[in-house]
PDB file of all heavy atoms in Angstrom:
ATOM      1  N   ASP A   1       0.869  -1.182   0.000  1.00  0.00           N
ATOM      2  CA  ASP A   1       0.000   0.000   0.000  1.00  0.00           C
ATOM      3  C   ASP A   1       0.904   1.230   0.000  1.00  0.00           C
ATOM      4  O   ASP A   1       1.659   1.455   0.943  1.00  0.00           O
ATOM      5  CB  ASP A   1      -0.896  -0.016   1.247  1.00  0.00           C
ATOM      6  CG  ASP A   1      -1.937   1.106   1.231  1.00  0.00           C
ATOM      7  OD1 ASP A   1      -1.701   2.133   0.556  1.00  0.00           O
ATOM      8  OD2 ASP A   1      -2.967   0.954   1.901  1.00  0.00           O
ATOM      9  N   GLN A   2       0.829   2.011  -1.071  1.00  0.00           N
ATOM     10  CA  GLN A   2       1.726   3.155  -1.227  1.00  0.00           C
ATOM     11  C   GLN A   2       1.590   4.169  -0.098  1.00  0.00           C
ATOM     12  O   GLN A   2       2.516   4.930   0.167  1.00  0.00           O
ATOM     13  CB  GLN A   2       1.458   3.849  -2.561  1.00  0.00           C
ATOM     14  CG  GLN A   2       1.741   2.981  -3.777  1.00  0.00           C
ATOM     15  CD  GLN A   2       1.699   3.768  -5.069  1.00  0.00           C
ATOM     16  OE1 GLN A   2       2.295   4.840  -5.152  1.00  0.00           O
ATOM     17  NE2 GLN A   2       1.021   3.244  -6.077  1.00  0.00           N
ATOM     18  N   THR A   3       0.455   4.178   0.581  1.00  0.00           N
ATOM     19  CA  THR A   3       0.227   5.172   1.631  1.00  0.00           C
ATOM     20  C   THR A   3       0.712   4.711   3.003  1.00  0.00           C
ATOM     21  O   THR A   3       0.776   5.517   3.933  1.00  0.00           O
ATOM     22  CB  THR A   3      -1.269   5.515   1.735  1.00  0.00           C
ATOM     23  OG1 THR A   3      -2.001   4.353   2.180  1.00  0.00           O
ATOM     24  CG2 THR A   3      -1.817   5.957   0.389  1.00  0.00           C
ATOM     25  N   LYS A   4       1.039   3.429   3.140  1.00  0.00           N
ATOM     26  CA  LYS A   4       1.483   2.905   4.432  1.00  0.00           C
ATOM     27  C   LYS A   4       2.966   3.212   4.650  1.00  0.00           C
ATOM     28  O   LYS A   4       3.722   3.457   3.713  1.00  0.00           O
ATOM     29  CB  LYS A   4       1.232   1.400   4.528  1.00  0.00           C
ATOM     30  CG  LYS A   4      -0.226   1.001   4.394  1.00  0.00           C
ATOM     31  CD  LYS A   4      -1.095   1.644   5.458  1.00  0.00           C
ATOM     32  CE  LYS A   4      -2.550   1.186   5.354  1.00  0.00           C
ATOM     33  NZ  LYS A   4      -3.414   1.847   6.341  1.00  0.00           N
ATOM     34  N   ILE A   5       3.368   3.172   5.917  1.00  0.00           N
ATOM     35  CA  ILE A   5       4.730   3.565   6.287  1.00  0.00           C
ATOM     36  C   ILE A   5       5.726   2.433   6.049  1.00  0.00           C
ATOM     37  O   ILE A   5       5.502   1.288   6.462  1.00  0.00           O
ATOM     38  CB  ILE A   5       4.796   3.986   7.767  1.00  0.00           C
ATOM     39  CG1 ILE A   5       3.899   5.211   8.005  1.00  0.00           C
ATOM     40  CG2 ILE A   5       6.227   4.285   8.197  1.00  0.00           C
ATOM     41  CD1 ILE A   5       4.325   6.446   7.246  1.00  0.00           C
ATOM     42  N   ALA A   6       6.810   2.758   5.365  1.00  0.00           N
ATOM     43  CA  ALA A   6       7.954   1.843   5.231  1.00  0.00           C
ATOM     44  C   ALA A   6       8.928   2.202   6.350  1.00  0.00           C
ATOM     45  O   ALA A   6       9.731   3.128   6.214  1.00  0.00           O
ATOM     46  CB  ALA A   6       8.610   2.004   3.864  1.00  0.00           C
ATOM     47  N   ASP A   7       8.846   1.491   7.460  1.00  0.00           N
ATOM     48  CA  ASP A   7       9.636   1.862   8.640  1.00  0.00           C
ATOM     49  C   ASP A   7      11.034   1.263   8.532  1.00  0.00           C
ATOM     50  O   ASP A   7      11.320   0.173   9.021  1.00  0.00           O
ATOM     51  CB  ASP A   7       8.947   1.380   9.918  1.00  0.00           C
ATOM     52  CG  ASP A   7       9.288   2.269  11.100  1.00  0.00           C
ATOM     53  OD1 ASP A   7      10.468   2.642  11.219  1.00  0.00           O
ATOM     54  OD2 ASP A   7       8.389   2.612  11.881  1.00  0.00           O
ATOM     55  N   VAL A   8      11.920   1.998   7.867  1.00  0.00           N
ATOM     56  CA  VAL A   8      13.288   1.538   7.641  1.00  0.00           C
ATOM     57  C   VAL A   8      14.273   2.438   8.377  1.00  0.00           C
ATOM     58  O   VAL A   8      14.013   3.624   8.580  1.00  0.00           O
ATOM     59  CB  VAL A   8      13.624   1.500   6.127  1.00  0.00           C
ATOM     60  CG1 VAL A   8      12.781   0.454   5.412  1.00  0.00           C
ATOM     61  CG2 VAL A   8      13.412   2.871   5.482  1.00  0.00           C
ATOM     62  N   VAL A   9      15.400   1.865   8.781  1.00  0.00           N
ATOM     63  CA  VAL A   9      16.445   2.625   9.475  1.00  0.00           C
ATOM     64  C   VAL A   9      17.815   2.196   8.953  1.00  0.00           C
ATOM     65  O   VAL A   9      18.042   1.013   8.698  1.00  0.00           O
ATOM     66  CB  VAL A   9      16.377   2.418  11.010  1.00  0.00           C
ATOM     67  CG1 VAL A   9      15.188   3.149  11.599  1.00  0.00           C
ATOM     68  CG2 VAL A   9      16.308   0.933  11.366  1.00  0.00           C
ATOM     69  N   PRO A  10      18.747   3.136   8.769  1.00  0.00           N
ATOM     70  CA  PRO A  10      20.091   2.792   8.290  1.00  0.00           C
ATOM     71  C   PRO A  10      20.865   1.974   9.322  1.00  0.00           C
ATOM     72  O   PRO A  10      20.759   2.206  10.531  1.00  0.00           O
ATOM     73  CB  PRO A  10      20.755   4.162   8.064  1.00  0.00           C
ATOM     74  CG  PRO A  10      19.637   5.132   7.997  1.00  0.00           C
ATOM     75  CD  PRO A  10      18.563   4.594   8.884  1.00  0.00           C
ATOM     76  N   ALA A  11      21.652   1.043   8.841  1.00  0.00           N
ATOM     77  CA  ALA A  11      22.355   0.106   9.722  1.00  0.00           C
ATOM     78  C   ALA A  11      23.366   0.791  10.635  1.00  0.00           C
ATOM     79  O   ALA A  11      23.529   0.384  11.795  1.00  0.00           O
ATOM     80  CB  ALA A  11      23.051  -0.960   8.879  1.00  0.00           C
ATOM     81  N   ASP A  12      24.066   1.825  10.137  1.00  0.00           N
ATOM     82  CA  ASP A  12      25.055   2.485  10.995  1.00  0.00           C
ATOM     83  C   ASP A  12      24.369   3.274  12.106  1.00  0.00           C
ATOM     84  O   ASP A  12      24.910   3.390  13.210  1.00  0.00           O
ATOM     85  CB  ASP A  12      25.992   3.391  10.181  1.00  0.00           C
ATOM     86  CG  ASP A  12      25.266   4.395   9.309  1.00  0.00           C
ATOM     87  OD1 ASP A  12      24.134   4.110   8.890  1.00  0.00           O
ATOM     88  OD2 ASP A  12      25.829   5.479   9.027  1.00  0.00           O
ATOM     89  N   TYR A  13      23.181   3.791  11.847  1.00  0.00           N
ATOM     90  CA  TYR A  13      22.411   4.452  12.908  1.00  0.00           C
ATOM     91  C   TYR A  13      22.041   3.438  13.995  1.00  0.00           C
ATOM     92  O   TYR A  13      22.045   3.759  15.185  1.00  0.00           O
ATOM     93  CB  TYR A  13      21.143   5.085  12.335  1.00  0.00           C
ATOM     94  CG  TYR A  13      21.342   6.431  11.665  1.00  0.00           C
ATOM     95  CD1 TYR A  13      22.446   6.678  10.856  1.00  0.00           C
ATOM     96  CD2 TYR A  13      20.421   7.458  11.829  1.00  0.00           C
ATOM     97  CE1 TYR A  13      22.621   7.905  10.244  1.00  0.00           C
ATOM     98  CE2 TYR A  13      20.583   8.692  11.210  1.00  0.00           C
ATOM     99  CZ  TYR A  13      21.698   8.910  10.420  1.00  0.00           C
ATOM    100  OH  TYR A  13      21.878  10.133   9.816  1.00  0.00           O
ATOM    101  N   VAL A  14      21.716   2.209  13.572  1.00  0.00           N
ATOM    102  CA  VAL A  14      21.355   1.166  14.531  1.00  0.00           C
ATOM    103  C   VAL A  14      22.550   0.804  15.408  1.00  0.00           C
ATOM    104  O   VAL A  14      22.433   0.716  16.634  1.00  0.00           O
ATOM    105  CB  VAL A  14      20.822  -0.081  13.809  1.00  0.00           C
ATOM    106  CG1 VAL A  14      20.591  -1.225  14.799  1.00  0.00           C
ATOM    107  CG2 VAL A  14      19.526   0.234  13.067  1.00  0.00           C
ATOM    108  N   SER A  15      23.717   0.603  14.796  1.00  0.00           N
ATOM    109  CA  SER A  15      24.899   0.228  15.586  1.00  0.00           C
ATOM    110  C   SER A  15      25.278   1.344  16.559  1.00  0.00           C
ATOM    111  O   SER A  15      25.657   1.076  17.706  1.00  0.00           O
ATOM    112  CB  SER A  15      26.079  -0.113  14.662  1.00  0.00           C
ATOM    113  OG  SER A  15      26.476   1.000  13.883  1.00  0.00           O
ATOM    114  N   ASN A  16      25.171   2.579  16.119  1.00  0.00           N
ATOM    115  CA  ASN A  16      25.436   3.706  17.025  1.00  0.00           C
ATOM    116  C   ASN A  16      24.445   3.736  18.181  1.00  0.00           C
ATOM    117  O   ASN A  16      24.812   3.988  19.336  1.00  0.00           O
ATOM    118  CB  ASN A  16      25.371   5.029  16.259  1.00  0.00           C
ATOM    119  CG  ASN A  16      26.587   5.253  15.385  1.00  0.00           C
ATOM    120  OD1 ASN A  16      27.641   4.673  15.599  1.00  0.00           O
ATOM    121  ND2 ASN A  16      26.451   6.101  14.383  1.00  0.00           N
ATOM    122  N   ALA A  17      23.180   3.475  17.867  1.00  0.00           N
ATOM    123  CA  ALA A  17      22.153   3.468  18.909  1.00  0.00           C
ATOM    124  C   ALA A  17      22.396   2.349  19.917  1.00  0.00           C
ATOM    125  O   ALA A  17      22.198   2.535  21.122  1.00  0.00           O
ATOM    126  CB  ALA A  17      20.763   3.314  18.277  1.00  0.00           C
ATOM    127  N   VAL A  18      22.841   1.201  19.450  1.00  0.00           N
ATOM    128  CA  VAL A  18      23.140   0.077  20.345  1.00  0.00           C
ATOM    129  C   VAL A  18      24.225   0.459  21.346  1.00  0.00           C
ATOM    130  O   VAL A  18      24.101   0.224  22.558  1.00  0.00           O
ATOM    131  CB  VAL A  18      23.574  -1.168  19.537  1.00  0.00           C
ATOM    132  CG1 VAL A  18      24.166  -2.236  20.460  1.00  0.00           C
ATOM    133  CG2 VAL A  18      22.393  -1.740  18.757  1.00  0.00           C
ATOM    134  N   LEU A  19      25.290   1.073  20.852  1.00  0.00           N
ATOM    135  CA  LEU A  19      26.398   1.450  21.732  1.00  0.00           C
ATOM    136  C   LEU A  19      25.981   2.549  22.713  1.00  0.00           C
ATOM    137  O   LEU A  19      26.429   2.566  23.867  1.00  0.00           O
ATOM    138  CB  LEU A  19      27.597   1.897  20.899  1.00  0.00           C
ATOM    139  CG  LEU A  19      28.187   0.807  19.991  1.00  0.00           C
ATOM    140  CD1 LEU A  19      29.351   1.347  19.178  1.00  0.00           C
ATOM    141  CD2 LEU A  19      28.635  -0.396  20.799  1.00  0.00           C
ATOM    142  N   ALA A  20      25.120   3.452  22.260  1.00  0.00           N
ATOM    143  CA  ALA A  20      24.615   4.490  23.164  1.00  0.00           C
ATOM    144  C   ALA A  20      23.672   3.886  24.207  1.00  0.00           C
ATOM    145  O   ALA A  20      23.663   4.318  25.367  1.00  0.00           O
ATOM    146  CB  ALA A  20      23.903   5.582  22.364  1.00  0.00           C
ATOM    147  N   CYS A  21      22.896   2.896  23.819  1.00  0.00           N
ATOM    148  CA  CYS A  21      21.984   2.234  24.759  1.00  0.00           C
ATOM    149  C   CYS A  21      22.760   1.563  25.890  1.00  0.00           C
ATOM    150  O   CYS A  21      22.337   1.615  27.055  1.00  0.00           O
ATOM    151  CB  CYS A  21      21.134   1.192  24.034  1.00  0.00           C
ATOM    152  SG  CYS A  21      19.778   1.893  23.075  1.00  0.00           S
ATOM    153  N   ALA A  22      23.865   0.926  25.565  1.00  0.00           N
ATOM    154  CA  ALA A  22      24.678   0.274  26.600  1.00  0.00           C
ATOM    155  C   ALA A  22      25.115   1.292  27.647  1.00  0.00           C
ATOM    156  O   ALA A  22      25.088   1.009  28.859  1.00  0.00           O
ATOM    157  CB  ALA A  22      25.886  -0.399  25.964  1.00  0.00           C
ATOM    158  N   TRP A  23      25.524   2.448  27.185  1.00  0.00           N
ATOM    159  CA  TRP A  23      25.926   3.541  28.084  1.00  0.00           C
ATOM    160  C   TRP A  23      24.756   4.002  28.943  1.00  0.00           C
ATOM    161  O   TRP A  23      24.878   4.183  30.157  1.00  0.00           O
ATOM    162  CB  TRP A  23      26.480   4.685  27.233  1.00  0.00           C
ATOM    163  CG  TRP A  23      26.684   5.996  27.918  1.00  0.00           C
ATOM    164  CD1 TRP A  23      27.686   6.349  28.764  1.00  0.00           C
ATOM    165  CD2 TRP A  23      25.850   7.167  27.780  1.00  0.00           C
ATOM    166  NE1 TRP A  23      27.545   7.662  29.169  1.00  0.00           N
ATOM    167  CE2 TRP A  23      26.432   8.191  28.579  1.00  0.00           C
ATOM    168  CE3 TRP A  23      24.696   7.446  27.056  1.00  0.00           C
ATOM    169  CZ2 TRP A  23      25.864   9.461  28.669  1.00  0.00           C
ATOM    170  CZ3 TRP A  23      24.127   8.715  27.141  1.00  0.00           C
ATOM    171  CH2 TRP A  23      24.714   9.707  27.945  1.00  0.00           C
ATOM    172  N   ASP A  24      23.582   4.176  28.317  1.00  0.00           N
ATOM    173  CA  ASP A  24      22.416   4.671  29.037  1.00  0.00           C
ATOM    174  C   ASP A  24      21.878   3.640  30.035  1.00  0.00           C
ATOM    175  O   ASP A  24      21.460   3.992  31.140  1.00  0.00           O
ATOM    176  CB  ASP A  24      21.317   5.042  28.038  1.00  0.00           C
ATOM    177  CG  ASP A  24      20.183   5.822  28.675  1.00  0.00           C
ATOM    178  OD1 ASP A  24      20.477   6.776  29.417  1.00  0.00           O
ATOM    179  OD2 ASP A  24      19.006   5.476  28.442  1.00  0.00           O
TER     180      ASP A  24
END
């Protein structure tokens, strides 16, 4: 469905978020 959300995230953003989560 062209109107529905394609919830995608870049892989390097994910790895950065993982490392920040460990700190938090």
